[in-house]
Amino acid sequence: MKRILVAAPLALEEALIRSGARGAHVRKTGMGPDRSLVAAERLAREPGDALLVLGFCGGLDAHSRPGEAIVAEEVLATADEGHDPVRASCDGVMQLAGALRGAGMNVRTGPIVGVGKIATGERREQLRTAGALAVDMESAWLAAGAAGRPFAVVRVVLDSPSHELFRIQAVRGALQAAQALRRASAVALRDWDTAG
């Protein structure tokens, strides 16, 4: 039986993952690059056949909607975020995307870029123009925790340029995103063949 180690940055994400995928081996890693770098050192020493990062993200383009799943093809962070640049490829992209689509979810694949603080407005547009599909504050820095094991990232869009967190309609979007993260957790942990 495969044992997938799950990294969940926030306590809410951890709770949703545990409720969606009972018995999952979930570790809360903390928000932001600094906590993620520390957590990656711990994760690298933990038993497991693979590392999967699950949580929320910000969509960067006009097509992004709350509840959409983004399966990262790669995660990256640039030097202008105050840390060493990071670029890590992800495993099982097509398999995970297919499984999530099979469960009725809206799914896209592409790069997820890491930032040191919540990106809005002009910064979000800069990241989109540079080629990223979504943004988060942890995945790129958690990649080192895989320590040579298969590594994947599935993030659910919480907000986007047309559905920013600080607007009144954000509550409905947040509920959609929470439901989608629960479903994505169950599907990813059941259907990701880490040997494939």
N, C-alpha and C. Protein backbone atom coordinates (compact mmCIF):
# COMPACT_ATOMS: atom_id res chain seq x y z
N MET A 1 0.85 -1.19 0.00
CA MET A 1 0.00 0.00 0.00
C MET A 1 0.88 1.24 0.00
N LYS A 2 0.64 2.15 -0.96
CA LYS A 2 1.42 3.38 -1.03
C LYS A 2 1.09 4.29 0.15
N ARG A 3 2.09 4.99 0.61
CA ARG A 3 1.89 5.96 1.69
C ARG A 3 2.30 7.32 1.16
N ILE A 4 1.31 8.16 0.93
CA ILE A 4 1.57 9.50 0.43
C ILE A 4 1.56 10.47 1.60
N LEU A 5 2.65 11.18 1.74
CA LEU A 5 2.78 12.22 2.75
C LEU A 5 2.18 13.49 2.17
N VAL A 6 1.27 14.10 2.91
CA VAL A 6 0.56 15.29 2.42
C VAL A 6 1.01 16.51 3.20
N ALA A 7 1.40 17.55 2.49
CA ALA A 7 1.74 18.83 3.10
C ALA A 7 0.57 19.79 2.90
N ALA A 8 0.06 20.31 4.01
CA ALA A 8 -1.05 21.26 3.99
C ALA A 8 -0.61 22.51 4.73
N PRO A 9 -0.43 23.62 4.06
CA PRO A 9 0.10 24.80 4.74
C PRO A 9 -0.74 25.32 5.90
N LEU A 10 -2.04 25.40 5.74
CA LEU A 10 -2.90 26.03 6.77
C LEU A 10 -3.73 25.01 7.53
N ALA A 11 -4.10 25.38 8.75
CA ALA A 11 -4.91 24.49 9.58
C ALA A 11 -6.25 24.18 8.92
N LEU A 12 -6.87 25.16 8.26
CA LEU A 12 -8.14 24.93 7.57
C LEU A 12 -7.94 23.92 6.45
N GLU A 13 -6.87 24.06 5.68
CA GLU A 13 -6.58 23.10 4.61
C GLU A 13 -6.38 21.70 5.18
N GLU A 14 -5.62 21.62 6.27
CA GLU A 14 -5.39 20.32 6.91
C GLU A 14 -6.72 19.68 7.32
N ALA A 15 -7.61 20.45 7.93
CA ALA A 15 -8.90 19.92 8.38
C ALA A 15 -9.75 19.44 7.20
N LEU A 16 -9.77 20.21 6.12
CA LEU A 16 -10.54 19.82 4.95
C LEU A 16 -9.99 18.55 4.31
N ILE A 17 -8.67 18.44 4.25
CA ILE A 17 -8.04 17.24 3.67
C ILE A 17 -8.35 16.02 4.52
N ARG A 18 -8.22 16.17 5.83
CA ARG A 18 -8.51 15.03 6.73
C ARG A 18 -9.97 14.59 6.63
N SER A 19 -10.88 15.55 6.45
CA SER A 19 -12.29 15.18 6.34
C SER A 19 -12.61 14.57 4.98
N GLY A 20 -11.85 14.95 3.95
CA GLY A 20 -12.09 14.41 2.62
C GLY A 20 -11.39 13.09 2.37
N ALA A 21 -10.28 12.88 3.04
CA ALA A 21 -9.48 11.65 2.84
C ALA A 21 -9.10 11.10 4.21
N ARG A 22 -10.03 10.40 4.81
CA ARG A 22 -9.81 9.84 6.15
C ARG A 22 -8.56 8.97 6.18
N GLY A 23 -7.77 9.13 7.22
CA GLY A 23 -6.57 8.33 7.38
C GLY A 23 -5.37 8.87 6.64
N ALA A 24 -5.53 10.02 5.97
CA ALA A 24 -4.41 10.61 5.23
C ALA A 24 -3.29 11.01 6.20
N HIS A 25 -2.07 10.92 5.74
CA HIS A 25 -0.89 11.30 6.53
C HIS A 25 -0.58 12.77 6.22
N VAL A 26 -1.28 13.67 6.93
CA VAL A 26 -1.21 15.10 6.65
C VAL A 26 -0.34 15.80 7.68
N ARG A 27 0.51 16.70 7.18
CA ARG A 27 1.34 17.52 8.05
C ARG A 27 1.05 18.99 7.74
N LYS A 28 0.66 19.74 8.76
CA LYS A 28 0.47 21.19 8.60
C LYS A 28 1.86 21.82 8.56
N THR A 29 2.13 22.57 7.51
CA THR A 29 3.49 23.08 7.30
C THR A 29 3.64 24.57 7.59
N GLY A 30 2.55 25.30 7.67
CA GLY A 30 2.63 26.72 7.94
C GLY A 30 2.59 27.55 6.67
N MET A 31 2.22 28.82 6.84
CA MET A 31 2.05 29.73 5.71
C MET A 31 3.34 30.45 5.36
N GLY A 32 3.61 30.56 4.08
CA GLY A 32 4.72 31.38 3.60
C GLY A 32 6.01 30.63 3.37
N PRO A 33 6.96 31.29 2.69
CA PRO A 33 8.22 30.66 2.32
C PRO A 33 9.07 30.21 3.50
N ASP A 34 9.21 31.04 4.52
CA ASP A 34 10.11 30.70 5.63
C ASP A 34 9.64 29.45 6.37
N ARG A 35 8.35 29.39 6.69
CA ARG A 35 7.82 28.19 7.36
C ARG A 35 7.91 26.97 6.45
N SER A 36 7.73 27.19 5.15
CA SER A 36 7.79 26.08 4.20
C SER A 36 9.20 25.50 4.10
N LEU A 37 10.20 26.36 4.12
CA LEU A 37 11.59 25.88 4.06
C LEU A 37 11.92 25.04 5.29
N VAL A 38 11.47 25.47 6.45
CA VAL A 38 11.69 24.70 7.68
C VAL A 38 10.93 23.38 7.61
N ALA A 39 9.67 23.44 7.16
CA ALA A 39 8.85 22.23 7.06
C ALA A 39 9.45 21.24 6.07
N ALA A 40 10.03 21.73 4.98
CA ALA A 40 10.61 20.84 3.97
C ALA A 40 11.72 19.98 4.56
N GLU A 41 12.49 20.55 5.47
CA GLU A 41 13.55 19.77 6.14
C GLU A 41 12.95 18.62 6.94
N ARG A 42 11.85 18.90 7.64
CA ARG A 42 11.17 17.84 8.42
C ARG A 42 10.56 16.79 7.49
N LEU A 43 9.88 17.26 6.44
CA LEU A 43 9.22 16.34 5.51
C LEU A 43 10.22 15.41 4.84
N ALA A 44 11.41 15.90 4.56
CA ALA A 44 12.43 15.09 3.90
C ALA A 44 12.82 13.89 4.75
N ARG A 45 12.65 13.98 6.06
CA ARG A 45 13.02 12.89 6.97
C ARG A 45 11.84 11.98 7.30
N GLU A 46 10.64 12.37 6.91
CA GLU A 46 9.45 11.57 7.24
C GLU A 46 9.30 10.40 6.28
N PRO A 47 8.78 9.28 6.78
CA PRO A 47 8.53 8.14 5.89
C PRO A 47 7.40 8.46 4.92
N GLY A 48 7.47 7.85 3.77
CA GLY A 48 6.44 8.03 2.76
C GLY A 48 7.00 7.73 1.39
N ASP A 49 6.12 7.31 0.49
CA ASP A 49 6.53 6.96 -0.86
C ASP A 49 6.51 8.16 -1.80
N ALA A 50 5.85 9.26 -1.40
CA ALA A 50 5.72 10.43 -2.25
C ALA A 50 5.27 11.61 -1.39
N LEU A 51 5.43 12.81 -1.93
CA LEU A 51 4.97 14.02 -1.25
C LEU A 51 3.97 14.73 -2.14
N LEU A 52 2.80 15.03 -1.57
CA LEU A 52 1.74 15.73 -2.27
C LEU A 52 1.40 16.99 -1.48
N VAL A 53 1.50 18.15 -2.15
CA VAL A 53 1.08 19.41 -1.53
C VAL A 53 -0.36 19.66 -1.95
N LEU A 54 -1.23 19.86 -0.97
CA LEU A 54 -2.64 20.16 -1.22
C LEU A 54 -3.02 21.43 -0.49
N GLY A 55 -3.85 22.24 -1.13
CA GLY A 55 -4.30 23.46 -0.48
C GLY A 55 -4.94 24.40 -1.47
N PHE A 56 -5.05 25.66 -1.06
CA PHE A 56 -5.66 26.69 -1.89
C PHE A 56 -4.60 27.46 -2.66
N CYS A 57 -5.05 28.16 -3.70
CA CYS A 57 -4.16 29.04 -4.46
C CYS A 57 -4.98 30.20 -4.99
N GLY A 58 -4.27 31.14 -5.59
CA GLY A 58 -4.92 32.23 -6.30
C GLY A 58 -4.80 31.99 -7.79
N GLY A 59 -5.91 32.09 -8.50
CA GLY A 59 -5.86 32.00 -9.96
C GLY A 59 -5.34 33.30 -10.53
N LEU A 60 -4.66 33.22 -11.68
CA LEU A 60 -4.04 34.42 -12.23
C LEU A 60 -4.69 34.97 -13.49
N ASP A 61 -5.58 34.22 -14.11
CA ASP A 61 -6.15 34.72 -15.35
C ASP A 61 -7.67 34.84 -15.26
N ALA A 62 -8.25 35.36 -16.32
CA ALA A 62 -9.69 35.63 -16.32
C ALA A 62 -10.53 34.37 -16.32
N HIS A 63 -9.93 33.23 -16.65
CA HIS A 63 -10.66 31.96 -16.68
C HIS A 63 -10.76 31.30 -15.30
N SER A 64 -9.94 31.73 -14.35
CA SER A 64 -9.91 31.09 -13.02
C SER A 64 -11.18 31.40 -12.25
N ARG A 65 -11.71 30.36 -11.61
CA ARG A 65 -12.90 30.49 -10.79
C ARG A 65 -12.70 29.73 -9.48
N PRO A 66 -13.25 30.20 -8.37
CA PRO A 66 -13.15 29.45 -7.12
C PRO A 66 -13.67 28.03 -7.29
N GLY A 67 -12.92 27.08 -6.76
CA GLY A 67 -13.29 25.68 -6.84
C GLY A 67 -12.58 24.93 -7.95
N GLU A 68 -11.94 25.63 -8.86
CA GLU A 68 -11.18 24.99 -9.94
C GLU A 68 -9.90 24.39 -9.36
N ALA A 69 -9.55 23.18 -9.80
CA ALA A 69 -8.32 22.54 -9.34
C ALA A 69 -7.19 22.83 -10.33
N ILE A 70 -6.04 23.19 -9.79
CA ILE A 70 -4.84 23.39 -10.60
C ILE A 70 -3.85 22.30 -10.22
N VAL A 71 -3.49 21.47 -11.19
CA VAL A 71 -2.46 20.46 -10.99
C VAL A 71 -1.18 21.05 -11.57
N ALA A 72 -0.20 21.27 -10.71
CA ALA A 72 1.03 21.93 -11.15
C ALA A 72 1.87 21.02 -12.04
N GLU A 73 2.32 21.58 -13.16
CA GLU A 73 3.32 20.91 -13.98
C GLU A 73 4.70 21.15 -13.40
N GLU A 74 4.86 22.35 -12.83
CA GLU A 74 6.08 22.71 -12.11
C GLU A 74 5.73 23.80 -11.11
N VAL A 75 6.58 23.94 -10.11
CA VAL A 75 6.44 25.02 -9.15
C VAL A 75 7.73 25.83 -9.20
N LEU A 76 7.60 27.14 -9.06
CA LEU A 76 8.78 27.98 -9.13
C LEU A 76 8.62 29.21 -8.25
N ALA A 77 9.76 29.76 -7.89
CA ALA A 77 9.80 31.03 -7.17
C ALA A 77 11.04 31.76 -7.66
N THR A 78 10.89 33.05 -7.91
CA THR A 78 11.99 33.83 -8.45
C THR A 78 12.78 34.52 -7.34
N ALA A 79 13.96 34.98 -7.69
CA ALA A 79 14.85 35.61 -6.70
C ALA A 79 14.25 36.88 -6.11
N ASP A 80 13.33 37.54 -6.82
CA ASP A 80 12.77 38.79 -6.29
C ASP A 80 11.80 38.56 -5.14
N GLU A 81 11.60 37.30 -4.77
CA GLU A 81 10.78 36.99 -3.60
C GLU A 81 11.61 36.95 -2.31
N GLY A 82 12.89 37.26 -2.39
CA GLY A 82 13.72 37.35 -1.19
C GLY A 82 14.38 36.05 -0.78
N HIS A 83 14.30 35.03 -1.60
CA HIS A 83 14.94 33.74 -1.34
C HIS A 83 15.65 33.28 -2.60
N ASP A 84 16.39 32.20 -2.49
CA ASP A 84 17.01 31.63 -3.68
C ASP A 84 15.93 31.21 -4.67
N PRO A 85 16.19 31.36 -5.98
CA PRO A 85 15.21 30.90 -6.96
C PRO A 85 14.97 29.39 -6.83
N VAL A 86 13.75 28.98 -7.11
CA VAL A 86 13.37 27.56 -7.03
C VAL A 86 12.63 27.21 -8.32
N ARG A 87 12.90 26.02 -8.83
CA ARG A 87 12.10 25.47 -9.94
C ARG A 87 12.11 23.96 -9.75
N ALA A 88 10.94 23.36 -9.63
CA ALA A 88 10.83 21.91 -9.44
C ALA A 88 9.72 21.36 -10.32
N SER A 89 10.01 20.30 -11.04
CA SER A 89 9.00 19.62 -11.86
C SER A 89 8.13 18.74 -10.98
N CYS A 90 6.91 18.53 -11.42
CA CYS A 90 5.96 17.71 -10.66
C CYS A 90 5.69 16.40 -11.40
N ASP A 91 5.34 15.39 -10.64
CA ASP A 91 5.07 14.05 -11.16
C ASP A 91 3.57 13.78 -11.22
N GLY A 92 3.19 12.85 -12.11
CA GLY A 92 1.80 12.38 -12.16
C GLY A 92 0.79 13.41 -12.59
N VAL A 93 1.22 14.43 -13.35
CA VAL A 93 0.34 15.54 -13.70
C VAL A 93 -0.89 15.08 -14.46
N MET A 94 -0.69 14.37 -15.55
CA MET A 94 -1.83 13.95 -16.38
C MET A 94 -2.73 12.96 -15.65
N GLN A 95 -2.11 12.08 -14.88
CA GLN A 95 -2.90 11.09 -14.12
C GLN A 95 -3.78 11.78 -13.09
N LEU A 96 -3.21 12.70 -12.33
CA LEU A 96 -3.98 13.42 -11.32
C LEU A 96 -5.06 14.27 -11.97
N ALA A 97 -4.70 14.99 -13.03
CA ALA A 97 -5.70 15.84 -13.71
C ALA A 97 -6.85 14.99 -14.24
N GLY A 98 -6.53 13.83 -14.83
CA GLY A 98 -7.57 12.95 -15.35
C GLY A 98 -8.48 12.42 -14.26
N ALA A 99 -7.89 12.05 -13.13
CA ALA A 99 -8.69 11.53 -12.02
C ALA A 99 -9.63 12.61 -11.47
N LEU A 100 -9.13 13.83 -11.35
CA LEU A 100 -9.96 14.92 -10.84
C LEU A 100 -11.08 15.27 -11.82
N ARG A 101 -10.76 15.28 -13.11
CA ARG A 101 -11.81 15.51 -14.11
C ARG A 101 -12.85 14.41 -14.07
N GLY A 102 -12.38 13.17 -13.89
CA GLY A 102 -13.29 12.03 -13.79
C GLY A 102 -14.24 12.13 -12.61
N ALA A 103 -13.83 12.90 -11.59
CA ALA A 103 -14.68 13.11 -10.42
C ALA A 103 -15.57 14.34 -10.60
N GLY A 104 -15.57 14.89 -11.81
CA GLY A 104 -16.46 16.01 -12.09
C GLY A 104 -15.91 17.39 -11.77
N MET A 105 -14.61 17.48 -11.54
CA MET A 105 -14.02 18.77 -11.19
C MET A 105 -13.52 19.50 -12.42
N ASN A 106 -13.53 20.83 -12.36
CA ASN A 106 -12.87 21.66 -13.37
C ASN A 106 -11.39 21.67 -13.05
N VAL A 107 -10.56 21.32 -14.02
CA VAL A 107 -9.13 21.14 -13.78
C VAL A 107 -8.33 21.78 -14.90
N ARG A 108 -7.24 22.43 -14.53
CA ARG A 108 -6.25 22.87 -15.50
C ARG A 108 -4.86 22.49 -14.98
N THR A 109 -3.92 22.40 -15.89
CA THR A 109 -2.54 22.10 -15.53
C THR A 109 -1.65 23.23 -16.00
N GLY A 110 -0.60 23.50 -15.22
CA GLY A 110 0.33 24.55 -15.59
C GLY A 110 1.23 24.91 -14.43
N PRO A 111 2.07 25.92 -14.61
CA PRO A 111 3.00 26.32 -13.55
C PRO A 111 2.29 27.05 -12.41
N ILE A 112 2.75 26.79 -11.20
CA ILE A 112 2.31 27.54 -10.02
C ILE A 112 3.53 28.28 -9.49
N VAL A 113 3.40 29.58 -9.31
CA VAL A 113 4.51 30.41 -8.85
C VAL A 113 4.34 30.74 -7.36
N GLY A 114 5.46 30.74 -6.65
CA GLY A 114 5.45 31.06 -5.23
C GLY A 114 5.77 32.52 -4.96
N VAL A 115 5.06 33.11 -4.02
CA VAL A 115 5.29 34.50 -3.63
C VAL A 115 5.40 34.60 -2.11
N GLY A 116 6.00 35.68 -1.65
CA GLY A 116 6.19 35.87 -0.22
C GLY A 116 5.04 36.53 0.50
N LYS A 117 4.14 37.17 -0.25
CA LYS A 117 2.94 37.77 0.34
C LYS A 117 1.81 37.69 -0.68
N ILE A 118 0.59 37.81 -0.21
CA ILE A 118 -0.58 37.66 -1.08
C ILE A 118 -0.47 38.61 -2.27
N ALA A 119 -0.65 38.04 -3.46
CA ALA A 119 -0.53 38.82 -4.70
C ALA A 119 -1.91 39.29 -5.16
N THR A 120 -2.03 40.59 -5.38
CA THR A 120 -3.27 41.15 -5.89
C THR A 120 -2.93 42.13 -7.00
N GLY A 121 -3.94 42.54 -7.74
CA GLY A 121 -3.81 43.61 -8.72
C GLY A 121 -2.65 43.47 -9.68
N GLU A 122 -1.78 44.47 -9.68
CA GLU A 122 -0.67 44.54 -10.64
C GLU A 122 0.30 43.38 -10.47
N ARG A 123 0.59 42.97 -9.24
CA ARG A 123 1.52 41.85 -9.03
C ARG A 123 0.95 40.57 -9.63
N ARG A 124 -0.32 40.34 -9.45
CA ARG A 124 -0.97 39.16 -10.01
C ARG A 124 -0.84 39.17 -11.54
N GLU A 125 -1.01 40.33 -12.14
CA GLU A 125 -0.90 40.44 -13.60
C GLU A 125 0.54 40.19 -14.05
N GLN A 126 1.53 40.67 -13.30
CA GLN A 126 2.93 40.41 -13.63
C GLN A 126 3.22 38.91 -13.64
N LEU A 127 2.72 38.20 -12.66
CA LEU A 127 2.96 36.76 -12.55
C LEU A 127 2.27 36.01 -13.70
N ARG A 128 1.06 36.44 -14.05
CA ARG A 128 0.35 35.81 -15.16
C ARG A 128 1.11 36.04 -16.47
N THR A 129 1.56 37.27 -16.68
CA THR A 129 2.30 37.60 -17.90
C THR A 129 3.59 36.79 -18.00
N ALA A 130 4.18 36.45 -16.87
CA ALA A 130 5.41 35.65 -16.86
C ALA A 130 5.14 34.17 -17.13
N GLY A 131 3.87 33.78 -17.23
CA GLY A 131 3.55 32.42 -17.64
C GLY A 131 2.94 31.51 -16.59
N ALA A 132 2.75 32.01 -15.37
CA ALA A 132 2.16 31.16 -14.32
C ALA A 132 0.65 31.11 -14.46
N LEU A 133 0.08 29.99 -14.05
CA LEU A 133 -1.37 29.79 -14.08
C LEU A 133 -2.00 30.15 -12.73
N ALA A 134 -1.23 29.93 -11.66
CA ALA A 134 -1.74 30.17 -10.31
C ALA A 134 -0.59 30.58 -9.41
N VAL A 135 -0.94 31.07 -8.23
CA VAL A 135 0.04 31.57 -7.28
C VAL A 135 -0.28 31.01 -5.90
N ASP A 136 0.76 30.65 -5.16
CA ASP A 136 0.60 30.29 -3.75
C ASP A 136 1.83 30.77 -2.99
N MET A 137 1.89 30.47 -1.72
CA MET A 137 2.99 30.97 -0.89
C MET A 137 3.85 29.85 -0.31
N GLU A 138 3.69 28.62 -0.81
CA GLU A 138 4.40 27.51 -0.17
C GLU A 138 4.96 26.44 -1.11
N SER A 139 4.25 26.06 -2.15
CA SER A 139 4.59 24.84 -2.90
C SER A 139 6.03 24.79 -3.39
N ALA A 140 6.54 25.88 -3.94
CA ALA A 140 7.91 25.87 -4.48
C ALA A 140 8.91 25.54 -3.38
N TRP A 141 8.69 26.07 -2.20
CA TRP A 141 9.64 25.88 -1.10
C TRP A 141 9.45 24.53 -0.41
N LEU A 142 8.25 23.95 -0.53
CA LEU A 142 8.02 22.62 0.04
C LEU A 142 8.58 21.50 -0.84
N ALA A 143 8.88 21.80 -2.09
CA ALA A 143 9.34 20.77 -3.04
C ALA A 143 10.55 20.01 -2.52
N ALA A 144 11.45 20.68 -1.81
CA ALA A 144 12.65 20.01 -1.29
C ALA A 144 12.29 18.89 -0.32
N GLY A 145 11.12 18.96 0.28
CA GLY A 145 10.68 17.92 1.21
C GLY A 145 10.46 16.57 0.57
N ALA A 146 10.33 16.54 -0.75
CA ALA A 146 10.17 15.26 -1.45
C ALA A 146 11.45 14.44 -1.36
N ALA A 147 12.58 15.10 -1.31
CA ALA A 147 13.87 14.41 -1.14
C ALA A 147 14.04 13.23 -2.09
N GLY A 148 13.79 13.47 -3.38
CA GLY A 148 13.97 12.42 -4.38
C GLY A 148 12.76 11.54 -4.62
N ARG A 149 11.74 11.66 -3.81
CA ARG A 149 10.50 10.89 -4.01
C ARG A 149 9.61 11.60 -5.02
N PRO A 150 8.63 10.91 -5.58
CA PRO A 150 7.67 11.60 -6.44
C PRO A 150 7.03 12.78 -5.71
N PHE A 151 6.81 13.85 -6.45
CA PHE A 151 6.31 15.10 -5.88
C PHE A 151 5.19 15.64 -6.76
N ALA A 152 4.08 16.00 -6.14
CA ALA A 152 2.96 16.57 -6.89
C ALA A 152 2.32 17.70 -6.08
N VAL A 153 1.65 18.58 -6.81
CA VAL A 153 0.96 19.72 -6.19
C VAL A 153 -0.42 19.83 -6.81
N VAL A 154 -1.44 19.82 -5.96
CA VAL A 154 -2.82 20.08 -6.39
C VAL A 154 -3.33 21.21 -5.52
N ARG A 155 -3.67 22.31 -6.16
CA ARG A 155 -4.18 23.48 -5.45
C ARG A 155 -5.55 23.82 -6.00
N VAL A 156 -6.43 24.28 -5.13
CA VAL A 156 -7.78 24.68 -5.53
C VAL A 156 -7.86 26.20 -5.48
N VAL A 157 -8.38 26.77 -6.54
CA VAL A 157 -8.49 28.23 -6.63
C VAL A 157 -9.46 28.74 -5.57
N LEU A 158 -8.95 29.65 -4.75
CA LEU A 158 -9.76 30.31 -3.73
C LEU A 158 -10.23 31.67 -4.24
N ASP A 159 -9.35 32.36 -4.97
CA ASP A 159 -9.72 33.65 -5.53
C ASP A 159 -8.99 33.85 -6.85
N SER A 160 -9.45 34.85 -7.60
CA SER A 160 -8.88 35.13 -8.92
C SER A 160 -9.09 36.62 -9.21
N PRO A 161 -8.57 37.12 -10.33
CA PRO A 161 -8.76 38.54 -10.61
C PRO A 161 -10.22 38.97 -10.61
N SER A 162 -11.12 38.10 -11.05
CA SER A 162 -12.54 38.46 -11.06
C SER A 162 -13.27 38.07 -9.78
N HIS A 163 -12.59 37.37 -8.88
CA HIS A 163 -13.19 36.92 -7.62
C HIS A 163 -12.18 37.12 -6.48
N GLU A 164 -11.74 38.38 -6.26
CA GLU A 164 -10.71 38.62 -5.26
C GLU A 164 -11.25 38.41 -3.85
N LEU A 165 -10.35 37.98 -2.97
CA LEU A 165 -10.71 37.63 -1.59
C LEU A 165 -11.42 38.74 -0.84
N PHE A 166 -11.11 39.97 -1.15
CA PHE A 166 -11.59 41.08 -0.34
C PHE A 166 -12.90 41.67 -0.85
N ARG A 167 -13.58 40.95 -1.72
CA ARG A 167 -14.87 41.40 -2.23
C ARG A 167 -15.98 40.60 -1.56
N ILE A 168 -17.19 41.14 -1.60
CA ILE A 168 -18.31 40.54 -0.87
C ILE A 168 -18.66 39.14 -1.40
N GLN A 169 -18.52 38.90 -2.69
CA GLN A 169 -18.88 37.59 -3.24
C GLN A 169 -17.86 36.51 -2.87
N ALA A 170 -16.82 36.89 -2.15
CA ALA A 170 -15.77 35.93 -1.81
C ALA A 170 -16.28 34.82 -0.90
N VAL A 171 -17.31 35.06 -0.12
CA VAL A 171 -17.81 34.04 0.80
C VAL A 171 -18.31 32.82 0.03
N ARG A 172 -19.10 33.05 -1.00
CA ARG A 172 -19.61 31.94 -1.80
C ARG A 172 -18.46 31.19 -2.48
N GLY A 173 -17.50 31.94 -3.01
CA GLY A 173 -16.35 31.33 -3.65
C GLY A 173 -15.53 30.50 -2.67
N ALA A 174 -15.40 30.99 -1.44
CA ALA A 174 -14.64 30.26 -0.42
C ALA A 174 -15.31 28.94 -0.09
N LEU A 175 -16.63 28.93 -0.02
CA LEU A 175 -17.36 27.68 0.25
C LEU A 175 -17.18 26.69 -0.90
N GLN A 176 -17.24 27.19 -2.13
CA GLN A 176 -17.02 26.32 -3.30
C GLN A 176 -15.60 25.73 -3.26
N ALA A 177 -14.63 26.58 -2.92
CA ALA A 177 -13.24 26.14 -2.88
C ALA A 177 -13.04 25.09 -1.78
N ALA A 178 -13.67 25.28 -0.63
CA ALA A 178 -13.53 24.32 0.47
C ALA A 178 -14.10 22.96 0.07
N GLN A 179 -15.27 22.95 -0.55
CA GLN A 179 -15.85 21.68 -1.00
C GLN A 179 -14.96 21.01 -2.04
N ALA A 180 -14.40 21.81 -2.94
CA ALA A 180 -13.54 21.26 -3.99
C ALA A 180 -12.25 20.70 -3.41
N LEU A 181 -11.70 21.34 -2.39
CA LEU A 181 -10.47 20.82 -1.78
C LEU A 181 -10.73 19.48 -1.10
N ARG A 182 -11.85 19.34 -0.43
CA ARG A 182 -12.20 18.05 0.18
C ARG A 182 -12.27 16.95 -0.88
N ARG A 183 -12.96 17.26 -1.99
CA ARG A 183 -13.11 16.26 -3.05
C ARG A 183 -11.75 15.96 -3.70
N ALA A 184 -10.97 17.00 -3.97
CA ALA A 184 -9.66 16.81 -4.60
C ALA A 184 -8.75 15.94 -3.73
N SER A 185 -8.83 16.13 -2.42
CA SER A 185 -8.00 15.34 -1.49
C SER A 185 -8.32 13.86 -1.61
N ALA A 186 -9.61 13.54 -1.57
CA ALA A 186 -10.03 12.14 -1.65
C ALA A 186 -9.58 11.51 -2.97
N VAL A 187 -9.77 12.22 -4.07
CA VAL A 187 -9.45 11.70 -5.38
C VAL A 187 -7.94 11.53 -5.55
N ALA A 188 -7.19 12.56 -5.21
CA ALA A 188 -5.73 12.52 -5.40
C ALA A 188 -5.09 11.42 -4.58
N LEU A 189 -5.51 11.28 -3.35
CA LEU A 189 -4.89 10.25 -2.49
C LEU A 189 -5.32 8.84 -2.88
N ARG A 190 -6.47 8.72 -3.48
CA ARG A 190 -6.92 7.40 -3.92
C ARG A 190 -6.32 7.01 -5.28
N ASP A 191 -6.19 7.98 -6.18
CA ASP A 191 -5.91 7.66 -7.58
C ASP A 191 -4.50 7.98 -8.07
N TRP A 192 -3.68 8.64 -7.27
CA TRP A 192 -2.32 8.93 -7.74
C TRP A 192 -1.47 7.68 -7.58
N ASP A 193 -1.10 7.11 -8.70
CA ASP A 193 -0.19 5.95 -8.69
C ASP A 193 1.23 6.50 -8.71
N THR A 194 1.83 6.59 -7.54
CA THR A 194 3.14 7.24 -7.42
C THR A 194 4.24 6.49 -8.14
N ALA A 195 3.99 5.25 -8.53
CA ALA A 195 4.99 4.50 -9.27
C ALA A 195 4.89 4.76 -10.76
N GLY A 196 3.76 5.37 -11.18
CA GLY A 196 3.51 5.56 -12.60
C GLY A 196 4.12 6.81 -13.18
